[in-house]
C-alpha atoms as a PDB file:
ATOM      1  CA  UNK A   1       0.778 -31.371  -9.054  1.00  0.00           C
ATOM      2  CA  UNK A   2      -0.065 -29.589  -5.574  1.00  0.00           C
ATOM      3  CA  UNK A   3      -3.646 -28.678  -5.314  1.00  0.00           C
ATOM      4  CA  UNK A   4      -4.919 -25.714  -3.367  1.00  0.00           C
ATOM      5  CA  UNK A   5      -6.918 -28.110  -1.177  1.00  0.00           C
ATOM      6  CA  UNK A   6      -3.752 -29.775  -0.061  1.00  0.00           C
ATOM      7  CA  UNK A   7      -2.332 -26.286   0.704  1.00  0.00           C
ATOM      8  CA  UNK A   8      -5.366 -25.524   2.732  1.00  0.00           C
ATOM      9  CA  UNK A   9      -4.918 -28.706   4.699  1.00  0.00           C
ATOM     10  CA  UNK A  10      -1.251 -27.818   5.359  1.00  0.00           C
ATOM     11  CA  UNK A  11      -2.319 -24.389   6.684  1.00  0.00           C
ATOM     12  CA  UNK A  12      -4.957 -26.091   8.829  1.00  0.00           C
ATOM     13  CA  UNK A  13      -2.383 -28.416  10.336  1.00  0.00           C
ATOM     14  CA  UNK A  14       0.018 -25.442  11.002  1.00  0.00           C
ATOM     15  CA  UNK A  15      -2.746 -23.467  12.694  1.00  0.00           C
ATOM     16  CA  UNK A  16      -3.563 -26.446  14.851  1.00  0.00           C
ATOM     17  CA  UNK A  17       0.151 -26.811  15.800  1.00  0.00           C
ATOM     18  CA  UNK A  18       0.225 -22.987  16.568  1.00  0.00           C
ATOM     19  CA  UNK A  19      -2.864 -23.198  18.889  1.00  0.00           C
ATOM     20  CA  UNK A  20      -1.348 -26.206  20.685  1.00  0.00           C
ATOM     21  CA  UNK A  21       2.068 -24.771  21.113  1.00  0.00           C
ATOM     22  CA  UNK A  22       2.878 -22.495  24.138  1.00  0.00           C
ATOM     23  CA  UNK A  23       6.126 -21.136  22.475  1.00  0.00           C
ATOM     24  CA  UNK A  24       4.438 -19.743  19.283  1.00  0.00           C
ATOM     25  CA  UNK A  25       6.769 -17.732  17.064  1.00  0.00           C
ATOM     26  CA  UNK A  26       4.894 -16.747  14.000  1.00  0.00           C
ATOM     27  CA  UNK A  27       7.826 -16.361  11.658  1.00  0.00           C
ATOM     28  CA  UNK A  28       9.169 -19.739  12.696  1.00  0.00           C
ATOM     29  CA  UNK A  29       5.763 -21.452  12.365  1.00  0.00           C
ATOM     30  CA  UNK A  30       5.276 -19.947   8.979  1.00  0.00           C
ATOM     31  CA  UNK A  31       8.580 -21.098   7.777  1.00  0.00           C
ATOM     32  CA  UNK A  32       7.787 -24.694   9.062  1.00  0.00           C
ATOM     33  CA  UNK A  33       4.523 -24.417   7.077  1.00  0.00           C
ATOM     34  CA  UNK A  34       6.315 -23.825   3.828  1.00  0.00           C
ATOM     35  CA  UNK A  35       8.880 -26.479   4.732  1.00  0.00           C
ATOM     36  CA  UNK A  36       6.016 -29.015   5.173  1.00  0.00           C
ATOM     37  CA  UNK A  37       4.497 -28.025   1.788  1.00  0.00           C
ATOM     38  CA  UNK A  38       7.876 -28.596   0.174  1.00  0.00           C
ATOM     39  CA  UNK A  39       8.233 -31.975   1.853  1.00  0.00           C
ATOM     40  CA  UNK A  40       5.177 -33.277   0.046  1.00  0.00           C
ATOM     41  CA  UNK A  41       7.528 -33.828  -2.966  1.00  0.00           C
ATOM     42  CA  UNK A  42       9.789 -35.954  -0.731  1.00  0.00           C
ATOM     43  CA  UNK A  43       6.979 -38.279   0.113  1.00  0.00           C
ATOM     44  CA  UNK A  44       6.063 -38.446  -3.626  1.00  0.00           C
ATOM     45  CA  UNK A  45       9.692 -39.603  -4.466  1.00  0.00           C
ATOM     46  CA  UNK A  46       9.505 -42.142  -1.556  1.00  0.00           C
ATOM     47  CA  UNK A  47       6.341 -43.554  -2.895  1.00  0.00           C
ATOM     48  CA  UNK A  48       7.882 -43.873  -6.459  1.00  0.00           C
ATOM     49  CA  UNK A  49      10.967 -45.636  -4.884  1.00  0.00           C
ATOM     50  CA  UNK A  50       8.581 -48.064  -3.122  1.00  0.00           C
ATOM     51  CA  UNK A  51       7.509 -49.449  -6.400  1.00  0.00           C
ATOM     52  CA  UNK A  52      11.146 -49.776  -7.532  1.00  0.00           C
ATOM     53  CA  UNK A  53      12.063 -51.547  -4.316  1.00  0.00           C
ATOM     54  CA  UNK A  54       9.036 -53.807  -4.516  1.00  0.00           C
ATOM     55  CA  UNK A  55      10.154 -54.977  -8.058  1.00  0.00           C
ATOM     56  CA  UNK A  56      13.591 -55.562  -6.650  1.00  0.00           C
ATOM     57  CA  UNK A  57      12.092 -57.690  -3.828  1.00  0.00           C
ATOM     58  CA  UNK A  58      10.289 -59.852  -6.300  1.00  0.00           C
ATOM     59  CA  UNK A  59      13.597 -60.211  -8.173  1.00  0.00           C
ATOM     60  CA  UNK A  60      15.406 -61.247  -4.885  1.00  0.00           C
ATOM     61  CA  UNK A  61      12.696 -63.830  -4.101  1.00  0.00           C
ATOM     62  CA  UNK A  62      13.007 -65.219  -7.650  1.00  0.00           C
ATOM     63  CA  UNK A  63      16.764 -65.585  -7.256  1.00  0.00           C
ATOM     64  CA  UNK A  64      16.419 -67.098  -3.859  1.00  0.00           C
ATOM     65  CA  UNK A  65      14.040 -69.723  -5.246  1.00  0.00           C
ATOM     66  CA  UNK A  66      16.573 -70.662  -7.877  1.00  0.00           C
ATOM     67  CA  UNK A  67      19.140 -71.390  -5.128  1.00  0.00           C
ATOM     68  CA  UNK A  68      16.977 -73.852  -3.391  1.00  0.00           C
ATOM     69  CA  UNK A  69      18.320 -77.402  -2.889  1.00  0.00           C
ATOM     70  CA  UNK A  70      15.707 -79.019  -5.091  1.00  0.00           C
ATOM     71  CA  UNK A  71      14.051 -76.108  -7.042  1.00  0.00           C
ATOM     72  CA  UNK A  72      11.021 -76.840  -9.261  1.00  0.00           C
ATOM     73  CA  UNK A  73      11.091 -76.271 -13.071  1.00  0.00           C
ATOM     74  CA  UNK A  74       8.993 -73.160 -12.533  1.00  0.00           C
ATOM     75  CA  UNK A  75      11.545 -71.907 -10.000  1.00  0.00           C
ATOM     76  CA  UNK A  76      14.453 -72.643 -12.222  1.00  0.00           C
ATOM     77  CA  UNK A  77      12.816 -70.861 -15.143  1.00  0.00           C
ATOM     78  CA  UNK A  78      10.360 -68.321 -13.790  1.00  0.00           C
ATOM     79  CA  UNK A  79       8.551 -65.674 -15.939  1.00  0.00           C
ATOM     80  CA  UNK A  80      10.468 -62.428 -15.513  1.00  0.00           C
ATOM     81  CA  UNK A  81       7.513 -60.349 -16.817  1.00  0.00           C
ATOM     82  CA  UNK A  82       6.839 -58.439 -13.610  1.00  0.00           C
ATOM     83  CA  UNK A  83      10.502 -57.912 -12.592  1.00  0.00           C
ATOM     84  CA  UNK A  84      11.340 -56.707 -16.029  1.00  0.00           C
ATOM     85  CA  UNK A  85       8.622 -54.082 -16.017  1.00  0.00           C
ATOM     86  CA  UNK A  86       9.652 -51.553 -18.539  1.00  0.00           C
ATOM     87  CA  UNK A  87       8.277 -48.573 -16.832  1.00  0.00           C
ATOM     88  CA  UNK A  88      10.161 -49.301 -13.591  1.00  0.00           C
ATOM     89  CA  UNK A  89      13.366 -49.771 -15.729  1.00  0.00           C
ATOM     90  CA  UNK A  90      12.742 -46.345 -17.060  1.00  0.00           C
ATOM     91  CA  UNK A  91      12.193 -44.945 -13.560  1.00  0.00           C
ATOM     92  CA  UNK A  92      15.462 -46.563 -12.353  1.00  0.00           C
ATOM     93  CA  UNK A  93      17.414 -44.974 -15.214  1.00  0.00           C
ATOM     94  CA  UNK A  94      15.796 -41.616 -14.968  1.00  0.00           C
ATOM     95  CA  UNK A  95      18.345 -38.938 -13.905  1.00  0.00           C
ATOM     96  CA  UNK A  96      15.777 -36.759 -12.225  1.00  0.00           C
ATOM     97  CA  UNK A  97      14.440 -39.551 -10.145  1.00  0.00           C
ATOM     98  CA  UNK A  98      17.999 -40.652  -9.085  1.00  0.00           C
ATOM     99  CA  UNK A  99      19.014 -37.122  -8.117  1.00  0.00           C
ATOM    100  CA  UNK A 100      15.937 -36.802  -5.709  1.00  0.00           C
ATOM    101  CA  UNK A 101      16.497 -40.277  -4.490  1.00  0.00           C
ATOM    102  CA  UNK A 102      19.999 -39.338  -3.333  1.00  0.00           C
ATOM    103  CA  UNK A 103      18.938 -36.005  -2.160  1.00  0.00           C
ATOM    104  CA  UNK A 104      16.386 -37.367   0.204  1.00  0.00           C
ATOM    105  CA  UNK A 105      18.628 -40.259   1.291  1.00  0.00           C
ATOM    106  CA  UNK A 106      16.081 -42.862   0.633  1.00  0.00           C
ATOM    107  CA  UNK A 107      16.771 -46.234   2.296  1.00  0.00           C
ATOM    108  CA  UNK A 108      14.387 -49.175   2.600  1.00  0.00           C
ATOM    109  CA  UNK A 109      16.953 -51.278   4.614  1.00  0.00           C
ATOM    110  CA  UNK A 110      15.268 -52.927   7.384  1.00  0.00           C
ATOM    111  CA  UNK A 111      11.812 -53.225   5.847  1.00  0.00           C
ATOM    112  CA  UNK A 112      12.034 -56.641   4.287  1.00  0.00           C
ATOM    113  CA  UNK A 113       9.062 -57.831   6.336  1.00  0.00           C
ATOM    114  CA  UNK A 114       6.863 -55.205   4.918  1.00  0.00           C
ATOM    115  CA  UNK A 115       7.943 -56.074   1.477  1.00  0.00           C
ATOM    116  CA  UNK A 116       7.376 -59.744   2.193  1.00  0.00           C
ATOM    117  CA  UNK A 117       3.786 -58.932   3.146  1.00  0.00           C
ATOM    118  CA  UNK A 118       3.072 -57.031   0.003  1.00  0.00           C
ATOM    119  CA  UNK A 119       4.892 -59.827  -2.035  1.00  0.00           C
ATOM    120  CA  UNK A 120       2.522 -62.479  -0.726  1.00  0.00           C
ATOM    121  CA  UNK A 121      -0.576 -60.428  -1.186  1.00  0.00           C
ATOM    122  CA  UNK A 122       0.333 -59.192  -4.713  1.00  0.00           C
ATOM    123  CA  UNK A 123       1.344 -62.647  -5.973  1.00  0.00           C
ATOM    124  CA  UNK A 124      -2.038 -64.085  -5.048  1.00  0.00           C
ATOM    125  CA  UNK A 125      -4.041 -61.133  -6.345  1.00  0.00           C
ATOM    126  CA  UNK A 126      -6.318 -61.418  -9.280  1.00  0.00           C
ATOM    127  CA  UNK A 127      -4.694 -58.440 -11.229  1.00  0.00           C
ATOM    128  CA  UNK A 128      -1.227 -59.942 -10.883  1.00  0.00           C
ATOM    129  CA  UNK A 129      -2.210 -63.400 -11.951  1.00  0.00           C
ATOM    130  CA  UNK A 130      -4.028 -62.028 -14.999  1.00  0.00           C
ATOM    131  CA  UNK A 131      -1.034 -59.901 -15.924  1.00  0.00           C
ATOM    132  CA  UNK A 132       1.423 -62.741 -15.542  1.00  0.00           C
ATOM    133  CA  UNK A 133      -0.842 -65.193 -17.590  1.00  0.00           C
ATOM    134  CA  UNK A 134      -1.717 -62.865 -20.406  1.00  0.00           C
ATOM    135  CA  UNK A 135      -0.723 -64.259 -23.741  1.00  0.00           C
ATOM    136  CA  UNK A 136       1.164 -61.061 -24.717  1.00  0.00           C
ATOM    137  CA  UNK A 137       2.761 -58.234 -22.795  1.00  0.00           C
ATOM    138  CA  UNK A 138       2.935 -54.773 -24.050  1.00  0.00           C
ATOM    139  CA  UNK A 139       4.278 -51.473 -22.515  1.00  0.00           C
ATOM    140  CA  UNK A 140       0.868 -50.382 -21.582  1.00  0.00           C
ATOM    141  CA  UNK A 141       0.268 -53.612 -19.663  1.00  0.00           C
ATOM    142  CA  UNK A 142       3.394 -52.916 -17.632  1.00  0.00           C
ATOM    143  CA  UNK A 143       1.936 -49.451 -16.785  1.00  0.00           C
ATOM    144  CA  UNK A 144      -1.498 -50.752 -16.081  1.00  0.00           C
ATOM    145  CA  UNK A 145      -0.400 -53.372 -13.449  1.00  0.00           C
ATOM    146  CA  UNK A 146       1.522 -50.845 -11.524  1.00  0.00           C
ATOM    147  CA  UNK A 147      -1.435 -48.477 -11.410  1.00  0.00           C
ATOM    148  CA  UNK A 148      -3.753 -51.332 -10.408  1.00  0.00           C
ATOM    149  CA  UNK A 149      -1.410 -52.341  -7.598  1.00  0.00           C
ATOM    150  CA  UNK A 150      -1.374 -48.849  -6.267  1.00  0.00           C
ATOM    151  CA  UNK A 151      -5.198 -48.812  -6.186  1.00  0.00           C
ATOM    152  CA  UNK A 152      -5.707 -52.099  -4.681  1.00  0.00           C
ATOM    153  CA  UNK A 153      -2.664 -52.474  -2.390  1.00  0.00           C
ATOM    154  CA  UNK A 154      -0.969 -49.223  -1.715  1.00  0.00           C
ATOM    155  CA  UNK A 155      -3.820 -46.747  -1.252  1.00  0.00           C
ATOM    156  CA  UNK A 156      -5.619 -48.810   1.426  1.00  0.00           C
ATOM    157  CA  UNK A 157      -2.369 -50.012   3.150  1.00  0.00           C
ATOM    158  CA  UNK A 158      -2.337 -48.997   6.794  1.00  0.00           C
ATOM    159  CA  UNK A 159       1.145 -50.513   7.191  1.00  0.00           C
ATOM    160  CA  UNK A 160       2.600 -48.146   4.562  1.00  0.00           C
ATOM    161  CA  UNK A 161       0.712 -45.179   5.856  1.00  0.00           C
ATOM    162  CA  UNK A 162       2.073 -45.833   9.397  1.00  0.00           C
ATOM    163  CA  UNK A 163       5.561 -46.253   7.921  1.00  0.00           C
ATOM    164  CA  UNK A 164       5.408 -42.740   6.342  1.00  0.00           C
ATOM    165  CA  UNK A 165       3.638 -41.093   9.282  1.00  0.00           C
ATOM    166  CA  UNK A 166       6.587 -42.197  11.538  1.00  0.00           C
ATOM    167  CA  UNK A 167       8.920 -40.390   9.213  1.00  0.00           C
ATOM    168  CA  UNK A 168       6.767 -37.177   9.093  1.00  0.00           C
ATOM    169  CA  UNK A 169       3.539 -36.887  11.118  1.00  0.00           C
ATOM    170  CA  UNK A 170       2.021 -34.694   8.421  1.00  0.00           C
ATOM    171  CA  UNK A 171       2.549 -37.296   5.768  1.00  0.00           C
ATOM    172  CA  UNK A 172      -0.440 -39.297   6.987  1.00  0.00           C
ATOM    173  CA  UNK A 173      -2.696 -36.582   5.385  1.00  0.00           C
ATOM    174  CA  UNK A 174      -0.594 -36.370   2.331  1.00  0.00           C
ATOM    175  CA  UNK A 175      -0.371 -40.170   1.724  1.00  0.00           C
ATOM    176  CA  UNK A 176      -3.359 -40.606  -0.636  1.00  0.00           C
ATOM    177  CA  UNK A 177      -2.911 -37.306  -2.476  1.00  0.00           C
ATOM    178  CA  UNK A 178       0.740 -38.071  -3.283  1.00  0.00           C
ATOM    179  CA  UNK A 179      -0.065 -41.652  -4.504  1.00  0.00           C
ATOM    180  CA  UNK A 180      -2.612 -39.958  -6.956  1.00  0.00           C
ATOM    181  CA  UNK A 181       0.442 -37.859  -8.119  1.00  0.00           C
ATOM    182  CA  UNK A 182       2.422 -41.017  -8.528  1.00  0.00           C
ATOM    183  CA  UNK A 183      -0.373 -42.652 -10.652  1.00  0.00           C
ATOM    184  CA  UNK A 184      -0.684 -39.476 -12.862  1.00  0.00           C
ATOM    185  CA  UNK A 185       3.177 -39.687 -13.197  1.00  0.00           C
ATOM    186  CA  UNK A 186       3.098 -43.283 -14.397  1.00  0.00           C
ATOM    187  CA  UNK A 187       0.250 -42.560 -16.769  1.00  0.00           C
ATOM    188  CA  UNK A 188       2.399 -39.839 -18.315  1.00  0.00           C
ATOM    189  CA  UNK A 189       5.324 -42.119 -19.062  1.00  0.00           C
ATOM    190  CA  UNK A 190       5.750 -43.172 -22.650  1.00  0.00           C
ATOM    191  CA  UNK A 191       7.434 -46.186 -24.189  1.00  0.00           C
ATOM    192  CA  UNK A 192      10.257 -44.178 -25.807  1.00  0.00           C
ATOM    193  CA  UNK A 193      10.830 -41.892 -22.854  1.00  0.00           C
ATOM    194  CA  UNK A 194      14.583 -41.454 -22.131  1.00  0.00           C
ATOM    195  CA  UNK A 195      16.520 -41.036 -18.964  1.00  0.00           C
ATOM    196  CA  UNK A 196      16.597 -37.264 -19.302  1.00  0.00           C
ATOM    197  CA  UNK A 197      12.850 -36.892 -19.145  1.00  0.00           C
ATOM    198  CA  UNK A 198      11.924 -34.616 -16.222  1.00  0.00           C
ATOM    199  CA  UNK A 199       9.575 -35.817 -13.476  1.00  0.00           C
ATOM    200  CA  UNK A 200       6.523 -33.500 -12.706  1.00  0.00           C
ATOM    201  CA  UNK A 201       7.446 -30.778 -10.213  1.00  0.00           C
ATOM    202  CA  UNK A 202       5.387 -29.949  -7.053  1.00  0.00           C
ATOM    203  CA  UNK A 203       4.388 -26.696  -8.703  1.00  0.00           C
ATOM    204  CA  UNK A 204       3.601 -26.540 -12.430  1.00  0.00           C
ATOM    205  CA  UNK A 205       5.777 -23.514 -12.900  1.00  0.00           C
ATOM    206  CA  UNK A 206       7.739 -20.918 -11.057  1.00  0.00           C
ATOM    207  CA  UNK A 207       4.899 -18.394 -10.988  1.00  0.00           C
ATOM    208  CA  UNK A 208       2.410 -20.811  -9.606  1.00  0.00           C
ATOM    209  CA  UNK A 209       4.985 -21.845  -6.839  1.00  0.00           C
ATOM    210  CA  UNK A 210       5.257 -18.152  -5.749  1.00  0.00           C
ATOM    211  CA  UNK A 211       1.503 -17.708  -5.823  1.00  0.00           C
ATOM    212  CA  UNK A 212       0.696 -20.780  -3.932  1.00  0.00           C
ATOM    213  CA  UNK A 213       3.282 -20.261  -1.185  1.00  0.00           C
ATOM    214  CA  UNK A 214       2.088 -16.696  -0.811  1.00  0.00           C
ATOM    215  CA  UNK A 215      -1.498 -17.855  -0.540  1.00  0.00           C
ATOM    216  CA  UNK A 216      -0.412 -20.404   2.227  1.00  0.00           C
ATOM    217  CA  UNK A 217       1.539 -17.721   4.074  1.00  0.00           C
ATOM    218  CA  UNK A 218      -1.161 -15.167   3.857  1.00  0.00           C
ATOM    219  CA  UNK A 219      -4.031 -17.664   4.858  1.00  0.00           C
ATOM    220  CA  UNK A 220      -1.986 -18.668   7.817  1.00  0.00           C
ATOM    221  CA  UNK A 221      -1.087 -15.164   8.998  1.00  0.00           C
ATOM    222  CA  UNK A 222      -4.530 -13.671   8.524  1.00  0.00           C
ATOM    223  CA  UNK A 223      -6.139 -16.686  10.358  1.00  0.00           C
ATOM    224  CA  UNK A 224      -4.076 -15.771  13.310  1.00  0.00           C
ATOM    225  CA  UNK A 225      -4.495 -12.048  12.944  1.00  0.00           C
ATOM    226  CA  UNK A 226      -8.292 -12.186  12.848  1.00  0.00           C
ATOM    227  CA  UNK A 227      -8.579 -15.185  15.112  1.00  0.00           C
ATOM    228  CA  UNK A 228     -10.282 -13.299  18.069  1.00  0.00           C
ATOM    229  CA  UNK A 229     -12.610 -11.352  15.856  1.00  0.00           C
ATOM    230  CA  UNK A 230     -13.781 -14.460  13.914  1.00  0.00           C
ATOM    231  CA  UNK A 231     -14.035 -16.556  17.082  1.00  0.00           C
ATOM    232  CA  UNK A 232     -16.673 -13.930  18.250  1.00  0.00           C
ATOM    233  CA  UNK A 233     -18.513 -14.342  15.029  1.00  0.00           C
ATOM    234  CA  UNK A 234     -18.567 -18.090  15.247  1.00  0.00           C
ATOM    235  CA  UNK A 235     -19.701 -17.971  18.903  1.00  0.00           C
ATOM    236  CA  UNK A 236     -22.472 -15.573  18.038  1.00  0.00           C
ATOM    237  CA  UNK A 237     -23.886 -17.897  15.220  1.00  0.00           C
ATOM    238  CA  UNK A 238     -23.200 -21.207  17.014  1.00  0.00           C
ATOM    239  CA  UNK A 239     -26.712 -21.625  18.495  1.00  0.00           C
ATOM    240  CA  UNK A 240     -26.833 -24.235  21.122  1.00  0.00           C
ATOM    241  CA  UNK A 241     -23.060 -24.679  20.907  1.00  0.00           C
ATOM    242  CA  UNK A 242     -20.734 -23.290  23.462  1.00  0.00           C
ATOM    243  CA  UNK A 243     -17.525 -22.294  21.787  1.00  0.00           C
ATOM    244  CA  UNK A 244     -15.447 -24.509  24.151  1.00  0.00           C
ATOM    245  CA  UNK A 245     -17.506 -27.529  23.249  1.00  0.00           C
ATOM    246  CA  UNK A 246     -16.501 -27.163  19.531  1.00  0.00           C
ATOM    247  CA  UNK A 247     -13.519 -29.152  18.548  1.00  0.00           C
ATOM    248  CA  UNK A 248     -10.411 -26.985  17.974  1.00  0.00           C
ATOM    249  CA  UNK A 249     -10.026 -28.281  14.335  1.00  0.00           C
ATOM    250  CA  UNK A 250     -13.510 -27.441  13.505  1.00  0.00           C
ATOM    251  CA  UNK A 251     -13.097 -23.830  14.753  1.00  0.00           C
ATOM    252  CA  UNK A 252      -9.903 -23.576  12.679  1.00  0.00           C
ATOM    253  CA  UNK A 253     -11.670 -24.822   9.551  1.00  0.00           C
ATOM    254  CA  UNK A 254     -14.507 -22.243  10.060  1.00  0.00           C
ATOM    255  CA  UNK A 255     -11.937 -19.443  10.711  1.00  0.00           C
ATOM    256  CA  UNK A 256      -9.993 -20.198   7.725  1.00  0.00           C
ATOM    257  CA  UNK A 257     -13.216 -20.264   5.541  1.00  0.00           C
ATOM    258  CA  UNK A 258     -14.196 -16.827   7.048  1.00  0.00           C
ATOM    259  CA  UNK A 259     -10.772 -15.443   6.281  1.00  0.00           C
ATOM    260  CA  UNK A 260     -11.108 -16.450   2.634  1.00  0.00           C
ATOM    261  CA  UNK A 261     -14.641 -15.049   2.289  1.00  0.00           C
ATOM    262  CA  UNK A 262     -13.580 -11.696   3.799  1.00  0.00           C
ATOM    263  CA  UNK A 263      -9.948 -11.314   3.105  1.00  0.00           C
ATOM    264  CA  UNK A 264      -9.246 -12.940  -0.335  1.00  0.00           C
ATOM    265  CA  UNK A 265     -11.141 -10.952  -2.966  1.00  0.00           C
ATOM    266  CA  UNK A 266      -9.912 -13.164  -5.902  1.00  0.00           C
ATOM    267  CA  UNK A 267     -11.248 -16.389  -4.638  1.00  0.00           C
ATOM    268  CA  UNK A 268     -14.840 -17.017  -5.422  1.00  0.00           C
ATOM    269  CA  UNK A 269     -17.245 -17.652  -2.621  1.00  0.00           C
ATOM    270  CA  UNK A 270     -18.366 -20.952  -4.256  1.00  0.00           C
ATOM    271  CA  UNK A 271     -14.803 -22.175  -4.269  1.00  0.00           C
ATOM    272  CA  UNK A 272     -14.089 -21.513  -0.663  1.00  0.00           C
ATOM    273  CA  UNK A 273     -17.535 -22.993   0.497  1.00  0.00           C
ATOM    274  CA  UNK A 274     -16.921 -26.129  -1.552  1.00  0.00           C
ATOM    275  CA  UNK A 275     -13.227 -26.521  -0.388  1.00  0.00           C
ATOM    276  CA  UNK A 276     -14.062 -26.267   3.305  1.00  0.00           C
ATOM    277  CA  UNK A 277     -17.078 -28.454   3.104  1.00  0.00           C
ATOM    278  CA  UNK A 278     -14.802 -31.185   1.605  1.00  0.00           C
ATOM    279  CA  UNK A 279     -12.162 -30.592   4.280  1.00  0.00           C
ATOM    280  CA  UNK A 280     -14.874 -30.905   6.981  1.00  0.00           C
ATOM    281  CA  UNK A 281     -15.952 -34.144   5.457  1.00  0.00           C
ATOM    282  CA  UNK A 282     -12.494 -35.435   5.816  1.00  0.00           C
ATOM    283  CA  UNK A 283     -11.631 -34.032   9.222  1.00  0.00           C
ATOM    284  CA  UNK A 284     -14.790 -33.565  11.140  1.00  0.00           C
ATOM    285  CA  UNK A 285     -17.338 -35.916  12.628  1.00  0.00           C
ATOM    286  CA  UNK A 286     -20.673 -36.195  10.768  1.00  0.00           C
ATOM    287  CA  UNK A 287     -22.278 -34.156  13.403  1.00  0.00           C
ATOM    288  CA  UNK A 288     -19.883 -31.269  13.454  1.00  0.00           C
ATOM    289  CA  UNK A 289     -19.446 -31.401   9.648  1.00  0.00           C
ATOM    290  CA  UNK A 290     -23.223 -30.597   9.326  1.00  0.00           C
ATOM    291  CA  UNK A 291     -22.831 -27.788  11.855  1.00  0.00           C
ATOM    292  CA  UNK A 292     -19.821 -26.295   9.931  1.00  0.00           C
ATOM    293  CA  UNK A 293     -21.574 -26.415   6.631  1.00  0.00           C
ATOM    294  CA  UNK A 294     -24.757 -24.807   8.101  1.00  0.00           C
ATOM    295  CA  UNK A 295     -22.886 -22.142   9.962  1.00  0.00           C
ATOM    296  CA  UNK A 296     -20.910 -21.226   6.828  1.00  0.00           C
ATOM    297  CA  UNK A 297     -24.105 -21.034   4.761  1.00  0.00           C
ATOM    298  CA  UNK A 298     -25.735 -18.708   7.162  1.00  0.00           C
ATOM    299  CA  UNK A 299     -22.519 -16.496   7.469  1.00  0.00           C
ATOM    300  CA  UNK A 300     -22.297 -16.122   3.734  1.00  0.00           C
ATOM    301  CA  UNK A 301     -25.975 -14.857   3.562  1.00  0.00           C
ATOM    302  CA  UNK A 302     -25.312 -12.450   6.429  1.00  0.00           C
ATOM    303  CA  UNK A 303     -21.905 -11.219   4.942  1.00  0.00           C
ATOM    304  CA  UNK A 304     -23.634 -10.520   1.666  1.00  0.00           C
ATOM    305  CA  UNK A 305     -26.498  -8.642   3.273  1.00  0.00           C
ATOM    306  CA  UNK A 306     -23.966  -6.471   5.188  1.00  0.00           C
ATOM    307  CA  UNK A 307     -21.869  -6.102   2.009  1.00  0.00           C
ATOM    308  CA  UNK A 308     -18.780  -7.515   3.738  1.00  0.00           C
ATOM    309  CA  UNK A 309     -17.908  -9.872   0.905  1.00  0.00           C
ATOM    310  CA  UNK A 310     -16.054  -7.932  -1.772  1.00  0.00           C
ATOM    311  CA  UNK A 311     -14.824 -10.017  -4.684  1.00  0.00           C
ATOM    312  CA  UNK A 312     -12.957  -8.527  -7.590  1.00  0.00           C
ATOM    313  CA  UNK A 313     -12.272  -9.820 -11.033  1.00  0.00           C
ATOM    314  CA  UNK A 314     -14.241 -11.147 -13.973  1.00  0.00           C
ATOM    315  CA  UNK A 315     -16.969 -13.437 -12.940  1.00  0.00           C
ATOM    316  CA  UNK A 316     -16.376 -13.057  -9.174  1.00  0.00           C
ATOM    317  CA  UNK A 317     -18.885 -10.428  -8.127  1.00  0.00           C
ATOM    318  CA  UNK A 318     -21.828 -12.908  -7.631  1.00  0.00           C
ATOM    319  CA  UNK A 319     -19.631 -15.899  -6.862  1.00  0.00           C
END
């Protein structure tokens, strides 16, 4: 579930913290990096639990309406289609989910105002009204409405992003990626799935976990080890740009790219270039993004001419 790009972003965040912190201790910072990678899964479980809590809030409002002094016929006999969502019921009964829910001590108490806001927006939304008014309701419809709500209400929600950012400052950058994980999880559910079914793990398998964490640690350490050397390379190629005028994060992005180009023989040049171009699009201004991309292009040409890029493995020599 965890992509290499997200790992690169985590390393970038750790390097930024390293640069800003006067009391730098490399082993402690490296441990913190791995901890922040592992905590991505905690955010994923929190987001799954938000869907469960949202359904429960709808149920609460339904029960509340029944208790009114003069309830309408619709309030006395409401449609329970949404609150009886079969996929959410599976999630509530899933042993894996409940173990993680307890481990992370998830608690939505005190967030009723946020759920009230989502409740009002969702109830008036086109996708919800269409779902509730459909003549028939199948398991796939229950799955589809949840995915639609994530796309239209959760992904763009600044309120929910701020909520998670206050829990962990790094979660602001993980928010969209983990919601995509949530959607993939929901899509993978089947009508006959039982409570013992395992949720996807952060890493596909033990070997992948070891490799990805080793990659993160090595990229972090080598970006620090070669920091001065690669700063000099950037300064030499940064025509019309003084190094102290370039944003710290932009310098970090370029250093990481150079580290991969020169110190990671198994990663294709095209992969490195594409990854850091995409990261620069997300984290740099349009002007500095163009500068980063242009500088990396020029460096790749020069590194190849000087035979500094040495890639090994099938299909990597010219990549």
